[in-house]
Amino acid sequence: MDKMANIIFKAFSILSLTISGSLLLLFVNTFVDVIPLRQFIQGIPIILPAFVAPFGVLFGFVGYLNMRNKLGLYGILSNIFMFLLPFIYVMGGTLIFGP
């Protein structure tokens, strides 16, 4: 593979990690309230990972298939976790606080 292709596939892996990192920061900010966004985007950070994380998995998968690097693998795994996080949050809240 040429050098330009390696840069592009590494960028896909980095983009995958960036997506999962930004989703995690938004999710944590909902509870910690470091940046007061609660009045503007109310419940969106809790539901957003279920819709955006599959794109991160796709980007990580493209980067991992072509370069077989750990960066792409970490991107895939972190986005899978971010995809499952809203469901874990909702089910855990139901189990702890009741229906």
C-alpha atoms as a PDB file:
ATOM      1  CA  MET A   1       0.000   0.000   0.000  1.00  0.00           C
ATOM      2  CA  ASP A   2       1.193   3.483  -0.646  1.00  0.00           C
ATOM      3  CA  LYS A   3       1.751   6.137   1.967  1.00  0.00           C
ATOM      4  CA  MET A   4      -1.375   8.160   1.142  1.00  0.00           C
ATOM      5  CA  ALA A   5      -3.648   5.135   1.635  1.00  0.00           C
ATOM      6  CA  ASN A   6      -2.055   4.460   5.026  1.00  0.00           C
ATOM      7  CA  ILE A   7      -2.757   8.033   6.096  1.00  0.00           C
ATOM      8  CA  ILE A   8      -6.382   7.788   4.976  1.00  0.00           C
ATOM      9  CA  PHE A   9      -7.022   4.499   6.778  1.00  0.00           C
ATOM     10  CA  LYS A  10      -5.330   5.785   9.928  1.00  0.00           C
ATOM     11  CA  ALA A  11      -7.594   8.851   9.717  1.00  0.00           C
ATOM     12  CA  PHE A  12     -10.618   6.521   9.643  1.00  0.00           C
ATOM     13  CA  SER A  13      -9.383   4.866  12.842  1.00  0.00           C
ATOM     14  CA  ILE A  14      -8.782   8.212  14.531  1.00  0.00           C
ATOM     15  CA  LEU A  15     -12.209   9.446  13.423  1.00  0.00           C
ATOM     16  CA  SER A  16     -13.766   6.348  14.982  1.00  0.00           C
ATOM     17  CA  LEU A  17     -12.072   7.053  18.317  1.00  0.00           C
ATOM     18  CA  THR A  18     -13.028  10.726  18.095  1.00  0.00           C
ATOM     19  CA  ILE A  19     -16.685   9.841  17.612  1.00  0.00           C
ATOM     20  CA  SER A  20     -16.748   7.550  20.640  1.00  0.00           C
ATOM     21  CA  GLY A  21     -14.815  10.043  22.758  1.00  0.00           C
ATOM     22  CA  SER A  22     -17.125  12.925  21.947  1.00  0.00           C
ATOM     23  CA  LEU A  23     -20.206  10.776  22.603  1.00  0.00           C
ATOM     24  CA  LEU A  24     -18.755   9.722  25.952  1.00  0.00           C
ATOM     25  CA  LEU A  25     -18.031  13.345  26.899  1.00  0.00           C
ATOM     26  CA  LEU A  26     -21.598  14.366  26.034  1.00  0.00           C
ATOM     27  CA  PHE A  27     -23.002  11.435  28.014  1.00  0.00           C
ATOM     28  CA  VAL A  28     -20.891  12.188  31.087  1.00  0.00           C
ATOM     29  CA  ASN A  29     -21.646  15.918  30.822  1.00  0.00           C
ATOM     30  CA  THR A  30     -25.339  15.081  31.199  1.00  0.00           C
ATOM     31  CA  PHE A  31     -24.698  13.957  34.770  1.00  0.00           C
ATOM     32  CA  VAL A  32     -21.689  16.050  35.830  1.00  0.00           C
ATOM     33  CA  ASP A  33     -22.902  19.251  34.130  1.00  0.00           C
ATOM     34  CA  VAL A  34     -19.444  20.733  33.501  1.00  0.00           C
ATOM     35  CA  ILE A  35     -20.836  22.678  30.552  1.00  0.00           C
ATOM     36  CA  PRO A  36     -24.460  23.648  31.305  1.00  0.00           C
ATOM     37  CA  LEU A  37     -26.201  22.318  28.190  1.00  0.00           C
ATOM     38  CA  ARG A  38     -29.127  20.703  29.961  1.00  0.00           C
ATOM     39  CA  GLN A  39     -31.595  23.411  28.986  1.00  0.00           C
ATOM     40  CA  PHE A  40     -30.662  23.236  25.296  1.00  0.00           C
ATOM     41  CA  ILE A  41     -30.157  19.549  24.488  1.00  0.00           C
ATOM     42  CA  GLN A  42     -32.069  17.874  27.351  1.00  0.00           C
ATOM     43  CA  GLY A  43     -32.058  14.097  26.682  1.00  0.00           C
ATOM     44  CA  ILE A  44     -30.236  13.999  23.363  1.00  0.00           C
ATOM     45  CA  PRO A  45     -26.810  12.939  24.778  1.00  0.00           C
ATOM     46  CA  ILE A  46     -28.400   9.843  26.292  1.00  0.00           C
ATOM     47  CA  ILE A  47     -30.072   8.691  23.054  1.00  0.00           C
ATOM     48  CA  LEU A  48     -27.488  10.011  20.538  1.00  0.00           C
ATOM     49  CA  PRO A  49     -24.928   7.164  20.916  1.00  0.00           C
ATOM     50  CA  ALA A  50     -27.475   4.628  19.680  1.00  0.00           C
ATOM     51  CA  PHE A  51     -27.671   6.482  16.353  1.00  0.00           C
ATOM     52  CA  VAL A  52     -24.123   7.812  15.886  1.00  0.00           C
ATOM     53  CA  ALA A  53     -21.966   4.972  17.262  1.00  0.00           C
ATOM     54  CA  PRO A  54     -22.699   2.594  14.330  1.00  0.00           C
ATOM     55  CA  PHE A  55     -21.012   5.111  12.027  1.00  0.00           C
ATOM     56  CA  GLY A  56     -17.996   5.050  14.333  1.00  0.00           C
ATOM     57  CA  VAL A  57     -17.952   1.245  14.169  1.00  0.00           C
ATOM     58  CA  LEU A  58     -18.044   1.479  10.382  1.00  0.00           C
ATOM     59  CA  PHE A  59     -15.120   3.931  10.280  1.00  0.00           C
ATOM     60  CA  GLY A  60     -13.117   1.797  12.697  1.00  0.00           C
ATOM     61  CA  PHE A  61     -13.897  -1.316  10.680  1.00  0.00           C
ATOM     62  CA  VAL A  62     -12.668   0.293   7.457  1.00  0.00           C
ATOM     63  CA  GLY A  63      -9.465   1.403   9.165  1.00  0.00           C
ATOM     64  CA  TYR A  64      -8.915  -1.973  10.830  1.00  0.00           C
ATOM     65  CA  LEU A  65      -9.544  -4.100   7.736  1.00  0.00           C
ATOM     66  CA  ASN A  66      -6.971  -2.280   5.678  1.00  0.00           C
ATOM     67  CA  MET A  67      -4.209  -1.682   8.220  1.00  0.00           C
ATOM     68  CA  ARG A  68      -4.801  -4.226  11.020  1.00  0.00           C
ATOM     69  CA  ASN A  69      -3.798  -1.676  13.647  1.00  0.00           C
ATOM     70  CA  LYS A  70      -4.857  -1.495  17.271  1.00  0.00           C
ATOM     71  CA  LEU A  71      -6.210   2.015  16.810  1.00  0.00           C
ATOM     72  CA  GLY A  72      -8.998   0.718  14.567  1.00  0.00           C
ATOM     73  CA  LEU A  73      -9.716  -2.149  16.940  1.00  0.00           C
ATOM     74  CA  TYR A  74     -10.001   0.227  19.900  1.00  0.00           C
ATOM     75  CA  GLY A  75     -12.313   2.419  17.820  1.00  0.00           C
ATOM     76  CA  ILE A  76     -14.568  -0.522  17.027  1.00  0.00           C
ATOM     77  CA  LEU A  77     -14.723  -1.696  20.643  1.00  0.00           C
ATOM     78  CA  SER A  78     -15.307   1.761  22.104  1.00  0.00           C
ATOM     79  CA  ASN A  79     -18.104   2.501  19.645  1.00  0.00           C
ATOM     80  CA  ILE A  80     -19.768  -0.835  20.381  1.00  0.00           C
ATOM     81  CA  PHE A  81     -19.676   0.092  24.067  1.00  0.00           C
ATOM     82  CA  MET A  82     -21.095   3.541  23.252  1.00  0.00           C
ATOM     83  CA  PHE A  83     -23.867   1.901  21.226  1.00  0.00           C
ATOM     84  CA  LEU A  84     -24.836  -0.303  24.179  1.00  0.00           C
ATOM     85  CA  LEU A  85     -24.504   2.437  26.816  1.00  0.00           C
ATOM     86  CA  PRO A  86     -27.999   4.016  26.386  1.00  0.00           C
ATOM     87  CA  PHE A  87     -29.647   0.603  26.637  1.00  0.00           C
ATOM     88  CA  ILE A  88     -27.614  -0.275  29.732  1.00  0.00           C
ATOM     89  CA  TYR A  89     -28.533   3.102  31.231  1.00  0.00           C
ATOM     90  CA  VAL A  90     -32.262   2.653  30.622  1.00  0.00           C
ATOM     91  CA  MET A  91     -32.354  -0.965  31.801  1.00  0.00           C
ATOM     92  CA  GLY A  92     -30.165  -0.232  34.821  1.00  0.00           C
ATOM     93  CA  GLY A  93     -32.371   2.697  35.801  1.00  0.00           C
ATOM     94  CA  THR A  94     -35.434   0.491  35.521  1.00  0.00           C
ATOM     95  CA  LEU A  95     -33.860  -2.242  37.630  1.00  0.00           C
ATOM     96  CA  ILE A  96     -32.632   0.140  40.319  1.00  0.00           C
ATOM     97  CA  PHE A  97     -35.525   2.586  40.559  1.00  0.00           C
ATOM     98  CA  GLY A  98     -38.364   0.344  39.417  1.00  0.00           C
ATOM     99  CA  PRO A  99     -40.810   0.683  36.523  1.00  0.00           C
END
